[in-house]
């Protein structure tokens, strides 16, 4: 041991001894006993039993997780082809050829715009029904939420209809597709 460690060890032992003497002195004043060491402190210390100090250990309780549903097994239909088993270092499979992009003509844009407008129109109809249901339930918060969505959808639907009108005029002036 180094000198510093020995000094700290002696100092710690002296501090513990001083605390024991102080406790003995204070306890003797409360009980009226002579200031000499109390009989409990004069006796040799009893060995401490591990069972008294350490609480009995119990097995850890594992939280039961909710059971996960198993995989759904579907029987193959006639004509279904089962997948091939995976093979280590299998040769690369050729990809299907990529189709060329269609030219984005005014007719093509008009078709896409009309499709988006029809989808948005269906969404507006659905939201109007949802708004009526929320109003019947008295759910004012949901009514306000749906009304905000409806306003946005109606504005966008108006923009799409205007765009479709312009594209219809442009599509009339395009040359026919080959």
N, C-alpha and C. Protein backbone atom coordinates (compact mmCIF):
# COMPACT_ATOMS: atom_id res chain seq x y z
N UNK A 1 0.83 -1.18 0.00
CA UNK A 1 0.00 0.00 0.00
C UNK A 1 0.87 1.24 0.00
N UNK A 2 0.38 2.21 -0.64
CA UNK A 2 1.13 3.46 -0.61
C UNK A 2 0.84 4.22 0.66
N UNK A 3 1.67 5.16 0.92
CA UNK A 3 1.57 5.92 2.17
C UNK A 3 0.22 6.64 2.27
N UNK A 4 -0.21 7.24 1.17
CA UNK A 4 -1.48 7.99 1.19
C UNK A 4 -2.65 7.07 1.52
N UNK A 5 -2.66 5.86 0.95
CA UNK A 5 -3.74 4.91 1.21
C UNK A 5 -3.74 4.49 2.68
N UNK A 6 -2.55 4.27 3.26
CA UNK A 6 -2.47 3.90 4.68
C UNK A 6 -2.99 5.01 5.56
N UNK A 7 -2.64 6.25 5.23
CA UNK A 7 -3.09 7.39 6.04
C UNK A 7 -4.62 7.47 5.98
N UNK A 8 -5.18 7.31 4.78
CA UNK A 8 -6.63 7.40 4.66
C UNK A 8 -7.32 6.25 5.39
N UNK A 9 -6.72 5.05 5.37
CA UNK A 9 -7.28 3.91 6.06
C UNK A 9 -7.27 4.13 7.57
N UNK A 10 -6.15 4.63 8.12
CA UNK A 10 -6.05 4.91 9.56
C UNK A 10 -7.02 6.02 9.95
N UNK A 11 -7.11 7.04 9.09
CA UNK A 11 -8.02 8.15 9.38
C UNK A 11 -9.47 7.67 9.38
N UNK A 12 -9.85 6.79 8.42
CA UNK A 12 -11.22 6.25 8.36
C UNK A 12 -11.53 5.39 9.59
N UNK A 13 -10.54 4.56 10.02
CA UNK A 13 -10.75 3.72 11.20
C UNK A 13 -10.90 4.58 12.44
N UNK A 14 -10.11 5.64 12.53
CA UNK A 14 -10.22 6.54 13.68
C UNK A 14 -11.57 7.24 13.70
N UNK A 15 -12.07 7.61 12.53
CA UNK A 15 -13.38 8.27 12.45
C UNK A 15 -14.48 7.32 12.88
N UNK A 16 -14.41 6.07 12.45
CA UNK A 16 -15.42 5.08 12.85
C UNK A 16 -15.38 4.87 14.36
N UNK A 17 -14.17 4.77 14.94
CA UNK A 17 -14.03 4.61 16.39
C UNK A 17 -14.61 5.81 17.13
N UNK A 18 -14.37 7.02 16.64
CA UNK A 18 -14.89 8.22 17.29
C UNK A 18 -16.41 8.24 17.25
N UNK A 19 -16.98 7.79 16.14
CA UNK A 19 -18.45 7.76 16.03
C UNK A 19 -19.03 6.74 17.01
N UNK A 20 -18.39 5.58 17.14
CA UNK A 20 -18.87 4.57 18.08
C UNK A 20 -18.80 5.09 19.51
N UNK A 21 -17.71 5.75 19.86
CA UNK A 21 -17.58 6.31 21.22
C UNK A 21 -18.61 7.41 21.46
N UNK A 22 -18.85 8.25 20.46
CA UNK A 22 -19.83 9.32 20.62
C UNK A 22 -21.22 8.74 20.82
N UNK A 23 -21.58 7.72 20.05
CA UNK A 23 -22.90 7.09 20.21
C UNK A 23 -23.01 6.46 21.58
N UNK A 24 -21.94 5.80 22.04
CA UNK A 24 -21.97 5.17 23.37
C UNK A 24 -22.11 6.23 24.45
N UNK A 25 -21.43 7.34 24.31
CA UNK A 25 -21.51 8.39 25.31
C UNK A 25 -22.92 8.99 25.34
N UNK A 26 -23.47 9.27 24.16
CA UNK A 26 -24.82 9.86 24.11
C UNK A 26 -25.86 8.88 24.63
N UNK A 27 -25.72 7.61 24.31
CA UNK A 27 -26.68 6.62 24.78
C UNK A 27 -26.59 6.46 26.29
N UNK A 28 -25.39 6.54 26.86
CA UNK A 28 -25.25 6.37 28.31
C UNK A 28 -25.85 7.57 29.03
N UNK A 29 -25.81 8.74 28.46
CA UNK A 29 -26.42 9.90 29.11
C UNK A 29 -27.93 9.77 29.14
N UNK A 30 -28.53 9.24 28.07
CA UNK A 30 -29.99 9.08 28.03
C UNK A 30 -30.45 8.03 29.01
N UNK A 31 -29.71 6.95 29.19
CA UNK A 31 -30.13 5.86 30.07
C UNK A 31 -29.66 6.05 31.50
N UNK A 32 -28.77 6.99 31.73
CA UNK A 32 -28.27 7.21 33.08
C UNK A 32 -27.17 6.26 33.45
N UNK A 33 -26.63 5.49 32.53
CA UNK A 33 -25.56 4.53 32.79
C UNK A 33 -24.25 5.30 32.91
N UNK A 34 -23.26 4.70 33.56
CA UNK A 34 -21.97 5.37 33.66
C UNK A 34 -21.37 5.56 32.28
N UNK A 35 -20.54 6.58 32.14
CA UNK A 35 -20.01 6.87 30.82
C UNK A 35 -19.06 5.80 30.28
N UNK A 36 -18.81 4.78 31.06
CA UNK A 36 -17.97 3.70 30.51
C UNK A 36 -18.75 3.02 29.37
N UNK A 37 -18.07 2.23 28.63
CA UNK A 37 -18.72 1.58 27.50
C UNK A 37 -19.88 0.72 27.97
N UNK A 38 -20.95 0.75 27.22
CA UNK A 38 -22.14 -0.04 27.57
C UNK A 38 -21.83 -1.53 27.41
N UNK A 39 -22.56 -2.35 28.14
CA UNK A 39 -22.29 -3.79 28.04
C UNK A 39 -22.45 -4.31 26.61
N UNK A 40 -23.36 -3.74 25.86
CA UNK A 40 -23.55 -4.23 24.48
C UNK A 40 -22.28 -4.01 23.65
N UNK A 41 -21.59 -2.88 23.92
CA UNK A 41 -20.40 -2.58 23.14
C UNK A 41 -19.19 -3.35 23.63
N UNK A 42 -19.23 -3.81 24.92
CA UNK A 42 -18.09 -4.54 25.46
C UNK A 42 -18.08 -5.98 24.98
N UNK A 43 -19.25 -6.50 24.63
CA UNK A 43 -19.31 -7.89 24.17
C UNK A 43 -18.75 -7.99 22.76
N UNK A 44 -18.28 -9.16 22.46
CA UNK A 44 -17.78 -9.38 21.10
C UNK A 44 -18.97 -9.35 20.14
N UNK A 45 -18.78 -8.77 19.01
CA UNK A 45 -19.91 -8.70 18.07
C UNK A 45 -20.31 -10.07 17.59
N UNK A 46 -21.61 -10.23 17.45
CA UNK A 46 -22.15 -11.50 16.97
C UNK A 46 -22.02 -11.55 15.45
N UNK A 47 -21.77 -12.70 14.94
CA UNK A 47 -21.73 -12.79 13.48
C UNK A 47 -23.13 -12.54 12.90
N UNK A 48 -23.16 -11.83 11.85
CA UNK A 48 -24.44 -11.53 11.21
C UNK A 48 -24.80 -12.66 10.28
N UNK A 49 -26.02 -13.09 10.38
CA UNK A 49 -26.48 -14.17 9.51
C UNK A 49 -26.97 -13.58 8.20
N UNK A 50 -26.66 -14.24 7.14
CA UNK A 50 -27.03 -13.73 5.81
C UNK A 50 -28.53 -13.69 5.63
N UNK A 51 -29.23 -14.64 6.24
CA UNK A 51 -30.68 -14.68 6.07
C UNK A 51 -31.33 -13.47 6.74
N UNK A 52 -30.72 -12.96 7.81
CA UNK A 52 -31.29 -11.80 8.50
C UNK A 52 -31.07 -10.54 7.67
N UNK A 53 -29.93 -10.42 7.05
CA UNK A 53 -29.59 -9.21 6.32
C UNK A 53 -30.23 -9.19 4.94
N UNK A 54 -30.08 -10.28 4.21
CA UNK A 54 -30.56 -10.31 2.83
C UNK A 54 -31.97 -10.87 2.80
N UNK A 55 -32.88 -10.19 2.12
CA UNK A 55 -34.23 -10.74 2.01
C UNK A 55 -34.23 -11.97 1.10
N UNK A 56 -35.19 -12.79 1.30
CA UNK A 56 -35.27 -14.01 0.51
C UNK A 56 -35.54 -13.65 -0.95
N UNK A 57 -34.81 -14.25 -1.83
CA UNK A 57 -34.97 -13.95 -3.26
C UNK A 57 -36.13 -14.75 -3.81
N UNK A 58 -36.84 -14.09 -4.68
CA UNK A 58 -37.95 -14.77 -5.34
C UNK A 58 -37.68 -14.80 -6.83
N UNK A 59 -38.37 -15.66 -7.51
CA UNK A 59 -38.20 -15.76 -8.96
C UNK A 59 -38.77 -14.50 -9.60
N UNK A 60 -38.12 -13.98 -10.62
CA UNK A 60 -38.64 -12.77 -11.26
C UNK A 60 -39.98 -13.05 -11.93
N UNK A 61 -40.85 -12.08 -11.85
CA UNK A 61 -42.16 -12.22 -12.46
C UNK A 61 -42.07 -11.69 -13.88
N UNK A 62 -42.43 -12.50 -14.81
CA UNK A 62 -42.38 -12.08 -16.21
C UNK A 62 -43.77 -11.61 -16.62
N UNK A 63 -43.78 -10.44 -17.24
CA UNK A 63 -45.05 -9.91 -17.72
C UNK A 63 -45.50 -10.76 -18.90
N UNK A 64 -46.74 -11.13 -18.89
CA UNK A 64 -47.26 -11.94 -19.99
C UNK A 64 -47.67 -11.02 -21.12
N UNK A 65 -47.06 -11.22 -22.25
CA UNK A 65 -47.39 -10.41 -23.42
C UNK A 65 -48.68 -10.94 -24.03
N UNK A 66 -49.48 -10.05 -24.60
CA UNK A 66 -50.69 -10.54 -25.24
C UNK A 66 -50.32 -11.46 -26.39
N UNK A 67 -51.07 -12.50 -26.53
CA UNK A 67 -50.74 -13.48 -27.56
C UNK A 67 -50.92 -12.86 -28.93
N UNK A 68 -49.92 -13.09 -29.76
CA UNK A 68 -49.98 -12.59 -31.13
C UNK A 68 -50.75 -13.62 -31.95
N UNK A 69 -51.63 -13.13 -32.82
CA UNK A 69 -52.34 -14.11 -33.65
C UNK A 69 -51.36 -14.78 -34.60
N UNK A 70 -51.56 -16.04 -34.84
CA UNK A 70 -50.68 -16.78 -35.73
C UNK A 70 -50.89 -16.35 -37.17
N UNK A 71 -50.03 -16.83 -38.02
CA UNK A 71 -50.13 -16.50 -39.44
C UNK A 71 -51.37 -17.15 -40.03
N UNK A 72 -52.00 -16.44 -40.93
CA UNK A 72 -53.17 -16.98 -41.61
C UNK A 72 -52.70 -17.83 -42.77
N UNK A 73 -53.15 -19.06 -42.79
CA UNK A 73 -52.76 -19.97 -43.86
C UNK A 73 -53.92 -20.08 -44.83
N UNK A 74 -53.65 -19.78 -46.08
CA UNK A 74 -54.67 -19.85 -47.11
C UNK A 74 -54.32 -20.98 -48.05
N UNK A 75 -55.29 -21.83 -48.30
CA UNK A 75 -55.01 -22.93 -49.20
C UNK A 75 -54.91 -22.40 -50.63
N UNK A 76 -54.03 -22.97 -51.42
CA UNK A 76 -53.83 -22.48 -52.79
C UNK A 76 -55.07 -22.74 -53.65
N UNK A 77 -55.32 -21.79 -54.52
CA UNK A 77 -56.43 -21.94 -55.47
C UNK A 77 -55.93 -22.68 -56.69
N UNK A 78 -56.83 -23.24 -57.46
CA UNK A 78 -56.37 -23.90 -58.69
C UNK A 78 -55.69 -22.88 -59.60
N UNK A 79 -54.56 -23.23 -60.12
CA UNK A 79 -53.81 -22.33 -61.00
C UNK A 79 -52.73 -21.56 -60.28
N UNK A 80 -52.72 -21.57 -58.95
CA UNK A 80 -51.66 -20.88 -58.21
C UNK A 80 -50.36 -21.67 -58.35
N UNK A 81 -49.29 -20.94 -58.52
CA UNK A 81 -47.98 -21.58 -58.66
C UNK A 81 -47.23 -21.35 -57.36
N UNK A 82 -46.81 -22.43 -56.68
CA UNK A 82 -46.07 -22.22 -55.43
C UNK A 82 -44.72 -21.60 -55.72
N UNK A 83 -44.23 -20.78 -54.79
CA UNK A 83 -42.93 -20.14 -55.02
C UNK A 83 -41.81 -21.18 -54.99
N UNK A 84 -40.79 -20.89 -55.75
CA UNK A 84 -39.65 -21.79 -55.78
C UNK A 84 -38.84 -21.61 -54.51
N UNK A 85 -38.27 -22.70 -54.00
CA UNK A 85 -37.45 -22.55 -52.79
C UNK A 85 -36.19 -21.75 -53.12
N UNK A 86 -35.73 -20.99 -52.15
CA UNK A 86 -34.54 -20.18 -52.35
C UNK A 86 -33.30 -21.08 -52.36
N UNK A 87 -32.41 -20.75 -53.27
CA UNK A 87 -31.18 -21.52 -53.42
C UNK A 87 -30.01 -20.57 -53.20
N UNK A 88 -29.01 -21.04 -52.49
CA UNK A 88 -27.82 -20.21 -52.26
C UNK A 88 -27.10 -20.00 -53.58
N UNK A 89 -26.64 -18.75 -53.82
CA UNK A 89 -25.90 -18.37 -55.02
C UNK A 89 -26.67 -18.70 -56.30
N UNK A 90 -27.97 -18.43 -56.28
CA UNK A 90 -28.79 -18.69 -57.46
C UNK A 90 -28.43 -17.68 -58.56
N UNK A 91 -28.56 -18.07 -59.81
CA UNK A 91 -28.26 -17.12 -60.90
C UNK A 91 -29.30 -16.00 -60.92
N UNK A 92 -28.88 -14.87 -61.42
CA UNK A 92 -29.78 -13.72 -61.49
C UNK A 92 -30.91 -13.99 -62.46
N UNK A 93 -32.10 -13.53 -62.09
CA UNK A 93 -33.25 -13.72 -62.97
C UNK A 93 -33.41 -12.47 -63.84
N UNK A 94 -33.77 -12.64 -65.08
CA UNK A 94 -33.93 -11.47 -65.94
C UNK A 94 -35.19 -10.69 -65.54
N UNK A 95 -35.08 -9.38 -65.58
CA UNK A 95 -36.22 -8.52 -65.27
C UNK A 95 -37.10 -8.35 -66.49
N UNK A 96 -38.36 -8.06 -66.24
CA UNK A 96 -39.27 -7.76 -67.35
C UNK A 96 -38.82 -6.46 -68.00
N UNK A 97 -39.02 -6.34 -69.29
CA UNK A 97 -38.61 -5.09 -69.95
C UNK A 97 -39.45 -3.91 -69.45
N UNK A 98 -38.83 -2.77 -69.33
CA UNK A 98 -39.51 -1.56 -68.86
C UNK A 98 -40.21 -0.91 -70.04
N UNK A 99 -41.49 -0.65 -69.84
CA UNK A 99 -42.24 0.00 -70.91
C UNK A 99 -41.82 1.45 -71.00
N UNK A 100 -41.84 1.94 -72.23
CA UNK A 100 -41.48 3.34 -72.42
C UNK A 100 -42.58 4.23 -71.86
N UNK A 101 -42.16 5.39 -71.35
CA UNK A 101 -43.14 6.35 -70.85
C UNK A 101 -44.00 6.85 -71.99
N UNK A 102 -45.28 6.98 -71.68
CA UNK A 102 -46.19 7.54 -72.66
C UNK A 102 -45.94 9.04 -72.74
N UNK A 103 -46.07 9.63 -73.90
CA UNK A 103 -45.87 11.08 -73.97
C UNK A 103 -46.95 11.80 -73.17
N UNK A 104 -46.54 12.79 -72.44
CA UNK A 104 -47.48 13.51 -71.58
C UNK A 104 -48.15 14.61 -72.40
N UNK A 105 -49.05 14.15 -73.19
CA UNK A 105 -49.80 15.06 -74.04
C UNK A 105 -50.94 15.68 -73.26
N UNK A 106 -51.64 16.61 -73.89
CA UNK A 106 -52.79 17.24 -73.23
C UNK A 106 -53.89 16.21 -72.98
N UNK A 107 -54.06 15.26 -73.92
CA UNK A 107 -55.08 14.21 -73.71
C UNK A 107 -54.72 13.36 -72.49
N UNK A 108 -53.42 13.00 -72.38
CA UNK A 108 -52.97 12.20 -71.24
C UNK A 108 -53.18 12.96 -69.94
N UNK A 109 -52.80 14.22 -69.91
CA UNK A 109 -52.97 15.04 -68.70
C UNK A 109 -54.45 15.21 -68.36
N UNK A 110 -55.28 15.37 -69.40
CA UNK A 110 -56.72 15.50 -69.17
C UNK A 110 -57.29 14.25 -68.52
N UNK A 111 -56.87 13.10 -69.02
CA UNK A 111 -57.34 11.82 -68.46
C UNK A 111 -56.95 11.70 -66.99
N UNK A 112 -55.70 12.02 -66.68
CA UNK A 112 -55.23 11.93 -65.29
C UNK A 112 -55.96 12.94 -64.40
N UNK A 113 -56.16 14.15 -64.90
CA UNK A 113 -56.83 15.19 -64.11
C UNK A 113 -58.27 14.80 -63.84
N UNK A 114 -58.96 14.25 -64.85
CA UNK A 114 -60.35 13.83 -64.64
C UNK A 114 -60.43 12.68 -63.64
N UNK A 115 -59.46 11.79 -63.69
CA UNK A 115 -59.44 10.67 -62.73
C UNK A 115 -59.25 11.19 -61.30
N UNK A 116 -58.31 12.11 -61.12
CA UNK A 116 -58.07 12.68 -59.78
C UNK A 116 -59.31 13.44 -59.31
N UNK A 117 -59.94 14.16 -60.20
CA UNK A 117 -61.15 14.91 -59.84
C UNK A 117 -62.28 13.97 -59.42
N UNK A 118 -62.41 12.84 -60.11
CA UNK A 118 -63.47 11.90 -59.72
C UNK A 118 -63.20 11.31 -58.34
N UNK A 119 -61.94 10.98 -58.07
CA UNK A 119 -61.59 10.46 -56.74
C UNK A 119 -61.85 11.50 -55.66
N UNK A 120 -61.49 12.73 -55.93
CA UNK A 120 -61.70 13.80 -54.96
C UNK A 120 -63.20 14.06 -54.76
N UNK A 121 -63.97 13.95 -55.85
CA UNK A 121 -65.43 14.11 -55.75
C UNK A 121 -66.04 13.04 -54.86
N UNK A 122 -65.57 11.80 -54.99
CA UNK A 122 -66.06 10.72 -54.11
C UNK A 122 -65.69 10.99 -52.66
N UNK A 123 -64.50 11.53 -52.46
CA UNK A 123 -64.07 11.85 -51.10
C UNK A 123 -64.93 12.95 -50.49
N UNK A 124 -65.29 13.94 -51.30
CA UNK A 124 -66.16 15.01 -50.81
C UNK A 124 -67.52 14.44 -50.41
N UNK A 125 -68.08 13.55 -51.23
CA UNK A 125 -69.37 12.92 -50.92
C UNK A 125 -69.27 12.14 -49.62
N UNK A 126 -68.19 11.39 -49.45
CA UNK A 126 -68.01 10.60 -48.23
C UNK A 126 -67.90 11.52 -47.01
N UNK A 127 -67.14 12.60 -47.14
CA UNK A 127 -66.96 13.53 -46.02
C UNK A 127 -68.26 14.24 -45.67
N UNK A 128 -69.08 14.54 -46.66
CA UNK A 128 -70.38 15.16 -46.35
C UNK A 128 -71.25 14.22 -45.52
N UNK A 129 -71.23 12.93 -45.87
CA UNK A 129 -71.97 11.95 -45.08
C UNK A 129 -71.41 11.83 -43.67
N UNK A 130 -70.10 11.85 -43.55
CA UNK A 130 -69.47 11.79 -42.24
C UNK A 130 -69.80 13.02 -41.40
N UNK A 131 -69.89 14.16 -42.05
CA UNK A 131 -70.24 15.39 -41.34
C UNK A 131 -71.67 15.30 -40.79
N UNK A 132 -72.58 14.75 -41.59
CA UNK A 132 -73.97 14.60 -41.13
C UNK A 132 -74.05 13.63 -39.95
N UNK A 133 -73.27 12.54 -40.01
CA UNK A 133 -73.26 11.59 -38.89
C UNK A 133 -72.71 12.23 -37.63
N UNK A 134 -71.64 13.00 -37.76
CA UNK A 134 -71.05 13.66 -36.60
C UNK A 134 -72.02 14.70 -36.02
N UNK A 135 -72.73 15.39 -36.89
CA UNK A 135 -73.71 16.38 -36.42
C UNK A 135 -74.85 15.67 -35.68
N UNK A 136 -75.28 14.49 -36.17
CA UNK A 136 -76.35 13.73 -35.51
C UNK A 136 -75.89 13.23 -34.14
N UNK A 137 -74.61 12.89 -34.01
CA UNK A 137 -74.08 12.44 -32.71
C UNK A 137 -73.84 13.61 -31.76
N UNK A 138 -73.80 14.82 -32.30
CA UNK A 138 -73.51 15.99 -31.47
C UNK A 138 -72.02 16.21 -31.27
N UNK A 139 -71.20 15.63 -32.13
CA UNK A 139 -69.74 15.75 -32.03
C UNK A 139 -69.29 16.99 -32.79
N UNK A 140 -69.31 18.13 -32.11
CA UNK A 140 -69.02 19.40 -32.78
C UNK A 140 -67.55 19.49 -33.21
N UNK A 141 -66.66 18.87 -32.46
CA UNK A 141 -65.23 18.91 -32.82
C UNK A 141 -65.03 18.21 -34.16
N UNK A 142 -65.61 17.03 -34.31
CA UNK A 142 -65.46 16.28 -35.57
C UNK A 142 -66.15 17.01 -36.71
N UNK A 143 -67.29 17.65 -36.45
CA UNK A 143 -67.98 18.42 -37.49
C UNK A 143 -67.06 19.52 -38.01
N UNK A 144 -66.36 20.22 -37.11
CA UNK A 144 -65.45 21.29 -37.53
C UNK A 144 -64.27 20.73 -38.32
N UNK A 145 -63.75 19.58 -37.89
CA UNK A 145 -62.63 18.97 -38.62
C UNK A 145 -63.04 18.59 -40.03
N UNK A 146 -64.19 17.95 -40.15
CA UNK A 146 -64.66 17.50 -41.46
C UNK A 146 -64.98 18.71 -42.34
N UNK A 147 -65.54 19.75 -41.75
CA UNK A 147 -65.85 20.96 -42.52
C UNK A 147 -64.58 21.59 -43.08
N UNK A 148 -63.50 21.61 -42.31
CA UNK A 148 -62.23 22.14 -42.79
C UNK A 148 -61.71 21.30 -43.96
N UNK A 149 -61.80 19.96 -43.84
CA UNK A 149 -61.38 19.09 -44.93
C UNK A 149 -62.24 19.32 -46.18
N UNK A 150 -63.54 19.46 -45.96
CA UNK A 150 -64.44 19.69 -47.09
C UNK A 150 -64.10 20.99 -47.82
N UNK A 151 -63.81 22.03 -47.07
CA UNK A 151 -63.46 23.30 -47.71
C UNK A 151 -62.21 23.14 -48.57
N UNK A 152 -61.19 22.48 -48.04
CA UNK A 152 -59.96 22.27 -48.81
C UNK A 152 -60.22 21.44 -50.06
N UNK A 153 -61.00 20.37 -49.90
CA UNK A 153 -61.29 19.49 -51.03
C UNK A 153 -62.09 20.22 -52.10
N UNK A 154 -63.04 21.02 -51.68
CA UNK A 154 -63.87 21.75 -52.66
C UNK A 154 -63.03 22.75 -53.44
N UNK A 155 -62.10 23.42 -52.76
CA UNK A 155 -61.22 24.36 -53.46
C UNK A 155 -60.37 23.61 -54.47
N UNK A 156 -59.79 22.50 -54.06
CA UNK A 156 -58.94 21.70 -54.96
C UNK A 156 -59.77 21.14 -56.11
N UNK A 157 -61.01 20.72 -55.84
CA UNK A 157 -61.88 20.19 -56.88
C UNK A 157 -62.20 21.27 -57.91
N UNK A 158 -62.43 22.50 -57.46
CA UNK A 158 -62.66 23.62 -58.39
C UNK A 158 -61.44 23.86 -59.26
N UNK A 159 -60.24 23.79 -58.65
CA UNK A 159 -59.02 23.98 -59.43
C UNK A 159 -58.85 22.88 -60.47
N UNK A 160 -59.14 21.64 -60.09
CA UNK A 160 -59.01 20.52 -61.03
C UNK A 160 -60.00 20.65 -62.17
N UNK A 161 -61.22 21.09 -61.89
CA UNK A 161 -62.22 21.26 -62.96
C UNK A 161 -61.80 22.35 -63.93
N UNK A 162 -61.23 23.43 -63.40
CA UNK A 162 -60.75 24.50 -64.28
C UNK A 162 -59.59 24.00 -65.14
N UNK A 163 -58.69 23.23 -64.52
CA UNK A 163 -57.56 22.66 -65.27
C UNK A 163 -58.06 21.71 -66.34
N UNK A 164 -59.08 20.90 -66.02
CA UNK A 164 -59.65 19.97 -66.99
C UNK A 164 -60.29 20.72 -68.16
N UNK A 165 -60.93 21.85 -67.88
CA UNK A 165 -61.55 22.65 -68.94
C UNK A 165 -60.47 23.16 -69.90
N UNK A 166 -59.36 23.66 -69.33
CA UNK A 166 -58.27 24.16 -70.17
C UNK A 166 -57.63 23.03 -70.97
N UNK A 167 -57.46 21.86 -70.35
CA UNK A 167 -56.86 20.73 -71.03
C UNK A 167 -57.77 20.18 -72.13
N UNK A 168 -59.08 20.29 -71.94
CA UNK A 168 -60.02 19.84 -72.98
C UNK A 168 -59.82 20.67 -74.24
N UNK A 169 -59.70 21.99 -74.06
CA UNK A 169 -59.45 22.86 -75.22
C UNK A 169 -58.12 22.53 -75.87
N UNK A 170 -57.08 22.28 -75.07
CA UNK A 170 -55.77 21.96 -75.62
C UNK A 170 -55.78 20.61 -76.33
N UNK A 171 -56.53 19.64 -75.79
CA UNK A 171 -56.58 18.31 -76.38
C UNK A 171 -57.28 18.34 -77.74
N UNK A 172 -58.24 19.24 -77.91
CA UNK A 172 -58.92 19.37 -79.21
C UNK A 172 -57.95 19.85 -80.29
N UNK A 173 -56.99 20.67 -79.90
CA UNK A 173 -56.05 21.23 -80.87
C UNK A 173 -54.83 20.35 -81.13
N UNK A 174 -54.70 19.22 -80.40
CA UNK A 174 -53.57 18.32 -80.60
C UNK A 174 -53.78 17.45 -81.82
N UNK A 175 -52.68 17.09 -82.46
CA UNK A 175 -52.83 16.13 -83.58
C UNK A 175 -53.21 14.75 -83.01
N UNK A 176 -53.89 13.93 -83.76
CA UNK A 176 -54.27 12.59 -83.27
C UNK A 176 -53.04 11.75 -82.96
N UNK A 177 -53.20 10.84 -82.04
CA UNK A 177 -52.09 9.97 -81.63
C UNK A 177 -51.87 8.93 -82.71
N UNK A 178 -50.62 8.52 -82.93
CA UNK A 178 -50.36 7.52 -83.98
C UNK A 178 -50.84 6.14 -83.62
